[in-house]
Amino acid sequence: MAFGLVALSGVVVEHERGYRAARAEAAAVVVVHRGGAVGGDDPSWIERLFERPGCALKEAARGVWPGVVAIDPTADEVVGLLRDEARRFE
């Protein structure tokens, strides 16, 4: 399961169920998988995650991506990491 922080740009319209934008980019991602979780904001890792999720997760576990960290797979930790990334992104 993946959770993300998305940066919206261009014309952004708010709807009842969320937002629609001219452009959207995943700015940070947390993946909860097999009892663990990893997350980060490295654009290359995020791109790799979309292209080859299994490889990106294995690489993250081996420490290939320095900007990707292992966290506890709890809601507090997942939301906390994404909240911290959102504050840094602002």
N, C-alpha and C. Protein backbone atom coordinates (compact mmCIF):
# COMPACT_ATOMS: atom_id res chain seq x y z
N MET A 1 0.85 -1.15 0.00
CA MET A 1 0.00 0.00 0.00
C MET A 1 0.91 1.23 0.00
N ALA A 2 0.57 2.17 -0.84
CA ALA A 2 1.39 3.38 -0.94
C ALA A 2 0.59 4.61 -0.51
N PHE A 3 1.28 5.51 0.17
CA PHE A 3 0.71 6.78 0.59
C PHE A 3 1.64 7.86 0.05
N GLY A 4 1.08 8.98 -0.37
CA GLY A 4 1.95 9.97 -0.95
C GLY A 4 1.56 11.40 -0.67
N LEU A 5 2.52 12.24 -0.93
CA LEU A 5 2.37 13.69 -0.89
C LEU A 5 2.49 14.15 -2.33
N VAL A 6 1.46 14.82 -2.82
CA VAL A 6 1.42 15.21 -4.22
C VAL A 6 1.45 16.73 -4.32
N ALA A 7 2.33 17.24 -5.18
CA ALA A 7 2.40 18.67 -5.44
C ALA A 7 1.55 18.96 -6.67
N LEU A 8 0.59 19.85 -6.53
CA LEU A 8 -0.29 20.22 -7.63
C LEU A 8 0.11 21.58 -8.16
N SER A 9 0.04 21.76 -9.48
CA SER A 9 0.38 23.06 -10.06
C SER A 9 -0.52 23.33 -11.26
N GLY A 10 -0.40 24.54 -11.77
CA GLY A 10 -1.29 24.96 -12.85
C GLY A 10 -2.65 25.31 -12.26
N VAL A 11 -3.68 25.11 -13.03
CA VAL A 11 -5.03 25.35 -12.54
C VAL A 11 -5.42 24.19 -11.62
N VAL A 12 -5.74 24.52 -10.36
CA VAL A 12 -6.13 23.51 -9.37
C VAL A 12 -7.58 23.79 -8.99
N VAL A 13 -8.41 22.75 -9.10
CA VAL A 13 -9.84 22.89 -8.81
C VAL A 13 -10.19 21.94 -7.66
N GLU A 14 -10.85 22.47 -6.65
CA GLU A 14 -11.30 21.64 -5.52
C GLU A 14 -12.68 21.08 -5.83
N HIS A 15 -12.84 19.78 -5.60
CA HIS A 15 -14.12 19.09 -5.80
C HIS A 15 -14.57 18.50 -4.46
N GLU A 16 -15.75 17.91 -4.44
CA GLU A 16 -16.27 17.28 -3.23
C GLU A 16 -15.33 16.19 -2.72
N ARG A 17 -14.70 15.45 -3.62
CA ARG A 17 -13.88 14.29 -3.24
C ARG A 17 -12.38 14.53 -3.41
N GLY A 18 -11.95 15.77 -3.54
CA GLY A 18 -10.53 16.01 -3.67
C GLY A 18 -10.23 17.16 -4.61
N TYR A 19 -9.10 17.03 -5.31
CA TYR A 19 -8.63 18.09 -6.17
C TYR A 19 -8.33 17.55 -7.56
N ARG A 20 -8.38 18.44 -8.53
CA ARG A 20 -7.93 18.14 -9.89
C ARG A 20 -6.99 19.28 -10.28
N ALA A 21 -5.90 18.92 -10.95
CA ALA A 21 -4.92 19.95 -11.30
C ALA A 21 -4.40 19.72 -12.71
N ALA A 22 -3.85 20.79 -13.28
CA ALA A 22 -3.24 20.68 -14.60
C ALA A 22 -2.03 19.75 -14.55
N ARG A 23 -1.28 19.83 -13.45
CA ARG A 23 -0.10 18.97 -13.28
C ARG A 23 -0.04 18.48 -11.84
N ALA A 24 0.41 17.25 -11.69
CA ALA A 24 0.58 16.66 -10.36
C ALA A 24 1.88 15.88 -10.35
N GLU A 25 2.61 15.99 -9.25
CA GLU A 25 3.88 15.27 -9.12
C GLU A 25 3.98 14.68 -7.72
N ALA A 26 4.34 13.42 -7.65
CA ALA A 26 4.54 12.78 -6.35
C ALA A 26 5.80 13.39 -5.73
N ALA A 27 5.64 14.07 -4.60
CA ALA A 27 6.76 14.74 -3.95
C ALA A 27 7.40 13.87 -2.87
N ALA A 28 6.63 12.96 -2.28
CA ALA A 28 7.13 12.01 -1.28
C ALA A 28 6.19 10.81 -1.26
N VAL A 29 6.76 9.65 -0.95
CA VAL A 29 5.97 8.42 -0.95
C VAL A 29 6.39 7.56 0.24
N VAL A 30 5.41 6.91 0.85
CA VAL A 30 5.66 5.88 1.86
C VAL A 30 4.98 4.61 1.37
N VAL A 31 5.72 3.51 1.37
CA VAL A 31 5.16 2.22 0.96
C VAL A 31 5.18 1.29 2.17
N VAL A 32 4.01 0.75 2.49
CA VAL A 32 3.89 -0.25 3.56
C VAL A 32 3.79 -1.60 2.85
N HIS A 33 4.76 -2.47 3.17
CA HIS A 33 4.85 -3.74 2.44
C HIS A 33 5.45 -4.82 3.33
N ARG A 34 4.76 -5.94 3.43
CA ARG A 34 5.26 -7.10 4.17
C ARG A 34 5.70 -6.78 5.59
N GLY A 35 4.87 -6.03 6.30
CA GLY A 35 5.13 -5.75 7.69
C GLY A 35 6.11 -4.62 7.97
N GLY A 36 6.64 -4.00 6.94
CA GLY A 36 7.57 -2.89 7.12
C GLY A 36 7.11 -1.69 6.30
N ALA A 37 7.86 -0.61 6.39
CA ALA A 37 7.53 0.58 5.61
C ALA A 37 8.81 1.32 5.27
N VAL A 38 8.84 1.89 4.08
CA VAL A 38 9.94 2.75 3.66
C VAL A 38 9.33 3.99 3.02
N GLY A 39 10.04 5.09 3.13
CA GLY A 39 9.53 6.31 2.53
C GLY A 39 10.62 7.32 2.30
N GLY A 40 10.32 8.24 1.40
CA GLY A 40 11.28 9.30 1.12
C GLY A 40 10.81 10.21 0.01
N ASP A 41 11.66 11.18 -0.29
CA ASP A 41 11.32 12.18 -1.30
C ASP A 41 12.29 12.21 -2.46
N ASP A 42 13.17 11.22 -2.57
CA ASP A 42 14.14 11.18 -3.66
C ASP A 42 13.40 11.00 -4.99
N PRO A 43 13.47 12.00 -5.89
CA PRO A 43 12.72 11.92 -7.15
C PRO A 43 13.10 10.69 -7.99
N SER A 44 14.35 10.32 -7.97
CA SER A 44 14.78 9.14 -8.75
C SER A 44 14.18 7.86 -8.17
N TRP A 45 14.12 7.76 -6.84
CA TRP A 45 13.52 6.58 -6.21
C TRP A 45 12.02 6.54 -6.50
N ILE A 46 11.36 7.68 -6.44
CA ILE A 46 9.92 7.72 -6.71
C ILE A 46 9.65 7.30 -8.16
N GLU A 47 10.45 7.78 -9.08
CA GLU A 47 10.30 7.37 -10.48
C GLU A 47 10.51 5.86 -10.62
N ARG A 48 11.55 5.34 -9.97
CA ARG A 48 11.83 3.90 -10.00
C ARG A 48 10.67 3.12 -9.38
N LEU A 49 10.10 3.66 -8.32
CA LEU A 49 8.97 3.02 -7.64
C LEU A 49 7.78 2.86 -8.58
N PHE A 50 7.51 3.87 -9.39
CA PHE A 50 6.41 3.79 -10.35
C PHE A 50 6.72 2.84 -11.50
N GLU A 51 7.99 2.81 -11.90
CA GLU A 51 8.38 1.95 -13.02
C GLU A 51 8.53 0.49 -12.63
N ARG A 52 9.23 0.24 -11.53
CA ARG A 52 9.54 -1.13 -11.08
C ARG A 52 9.44 -1.19 -9.56
N PRO A 53 8.22 -1.28 -9.03
CA PRO A 53 8.03 -1.20 -7.58
C PRO A 53 8.83 -2.23 -6.79
N GLY A 54 8.85 -3.47 -7.24
CA GLY A 54 9.59 -4.51 -6.52
C GLY A 54 11.06 -4.20 -6.42
N CYS A 55 11.65 -3.75 -7.52
CA CYS A 55 13.07 -3.40 -7.52
C CYS A 55 13.35 -2.21 -6.60
N ALA A 56 12.49 -1.20 -6.67
CA ALA A 56 12.68 -0.01 -5.84
C ALA A 56 12.63 -0.35 -4.36
N LEU A 57 11.72 -1.26 -3.98
CA LEU A 57 11.62 -1.66 -2.57
C LEU A 57 12.83 -2.47 -2.14
N LYS A 58 13.30 -3.37 -2.98
CA LYS A 58 14.49 -4.16 -2.65
C LYS A 58 15.71 -3.26 -2.52
N GLU A 59 15.84 -2.30 -3.43
CA GLU A 59 16.96 -1.36 -3.39
C GLU A 59 16.91 -0.50 -2.12
N ALA A 60 15.71 -0.08 -1.74
CA ALA A 60 15.56 0.72 -0.52
C ALA A 60 15.99 -0.09 0.69
N ALA A 61 15.63 -1.37 0.72
CA ALA A 61 16.00 -2.24 1.85
C ALA A 61 17.51 -2.42 1.93
N ARG A 62 18.19 -2.37 0.79
CA ARG A 62 19.65 -2.53 0.76
C ARG A 62 20.39 -1.21 0.96
N GLY A 63 19.66 -0.10 1.08
CA GLY A 63 20.29 1.19 1.31
C GLY A 63 20.82 1.88 0.07
N VAL A 64 20.33 1.47 -1.10
CA VAL A 64 20.78 2.07 -2.37
C VAL A 64 20.38 3.53 -2.46
N TRP A 65 19.23 3.87 -1.89
CA TRP A 65 18.70 5.23 -1.97
C TRP A 65 18.89 5.93 -0.62
N PRO A 66 19.89 6.80 -0.49
CA PRO A 66 20.16 7.44 0.81
C PRO A 66 19.00 8.28 1.34
N GLY A 67 18.17 8.83 0.48
CA GLY A 67 17.05 9.67 0.92
C GLY A 67 15.82 8.88 1.31
N VAL A 68 15.91 7.56 1.27
CA VAL A 68 14.77 6.70 1.60
C VAL A 68 15.05 6.03 2.93
N VAL A 69 14.10 6.12 3.86
CA VAL A 69 14.32 5.59 5.20
C VAL A 69 13.27 4.54 5.55
N ALA A 70 13.66 3.61 6.40
CA ALA A 70 12.73 2.63 6.94
C ALA A 70 12.04 3.25 8.15
N ILE A 71 10.73 3.04 8.25
CA ILE A 71 9.97 3.54 9.40
C ILE A 71 9.05 2.42 9.88
N ASP A 72 8.50 2.62 11.07
CA ASP A 72 7.49 1.68 11.55
C ASP A 72 6.24 1.84 10.69
N PRO A 73 5.57 0.75 10.36
CA PRO A 73 4.39 0.84 9.48
C PRO A 73 3.11 1.24 10.20
N THR A 74 3.22 2.14 11.16
CA THR A 74 2.04 2.61 11.88
C THR A 74 1.50 3.87 11.22
N ALA A 75 0.22 4.12 11.43
CA ALA A 75 -0.39 5.32 10.85
C ALA A 75 0.32 6.58 11.32
N ASP A 76 0.69 6.64 12.61
CA ASP A 76 1.37 7.82 13.13
C ASP A 76 2.70 8.07 12.42
N GLU A 77 3.46 7.01 12.19
CA GLU A 77 4.77 7.15 11.53
C GLU A 77 4.61 7.54 10.06
N VAL A 78 3.67 6.90 9.37
CA VAL A 78 3.45 7.20 7.95
C VAL A 78 3.01 8.64 7.78
N VAL A 79 2.01 9.05 8.54
CA VAL A 79 1.50 10.41 8.45
C VAL A 79 2.57 11.40 8.90
N GLY A 80 3.32 11.05 9.93
CA GLY A 80 4.39 11.93 10.42
C GLY A 80 5.45 12.18 9.37
N LEU A 81 5.89 11.14 8.67
CA LEU A 81 6.90 11.32 7.63
C LEU A 81 6.36 12.20 6.51
N LEU A 82 5.14 11.94 6.08
CA LEU A 82 4.57 12.76 5.00
C LEU A 82 4.32 14.20 5.45
N ARG A 83 3.93 14.38 6.71
CA ARG A 83 3.73 15.74 7.24
C ARG A 83 5.06 16.49 7.27
N ASP A 84 6.12 15.82 7.72
CA ASP A 84 7.45 16.45 7.75
C ASP A 84 7.90 16.83 6.34
N GLU A 85 7.66 15.94 5.39
CA GLU A 85 8.05 16.23 4.01
C GLU A 85 7.23 17.42 3.46
N ALA A 86 5.96 17.49 3.83
CA ALA A 86 5.12 18.59 3.36
C ALA A 86 5.64 19.92 3.90
N ARG A 87 6.01 19.93 5.18
CA ARG A 87 6.56 21.16 5.78
C ARG A 87 7.86 21.56 5.10
N ARG A 88 8.71 20.58 4.83
CA ARG A 88 9.98 20.87 4.16
C ARG A 88 9.75 21.33 2.72
N PHE A 89 8.76 20.75 2.08
CA PHE A 89 8.46 21.08 0.69
C PHE A 89 7.95 22.51 0.55
N GLU A 90 7.17 22.97 1.53
CA GLU A 90 6.63 24.33 1.50
C GLU A 90 7.74 25.34 1.45
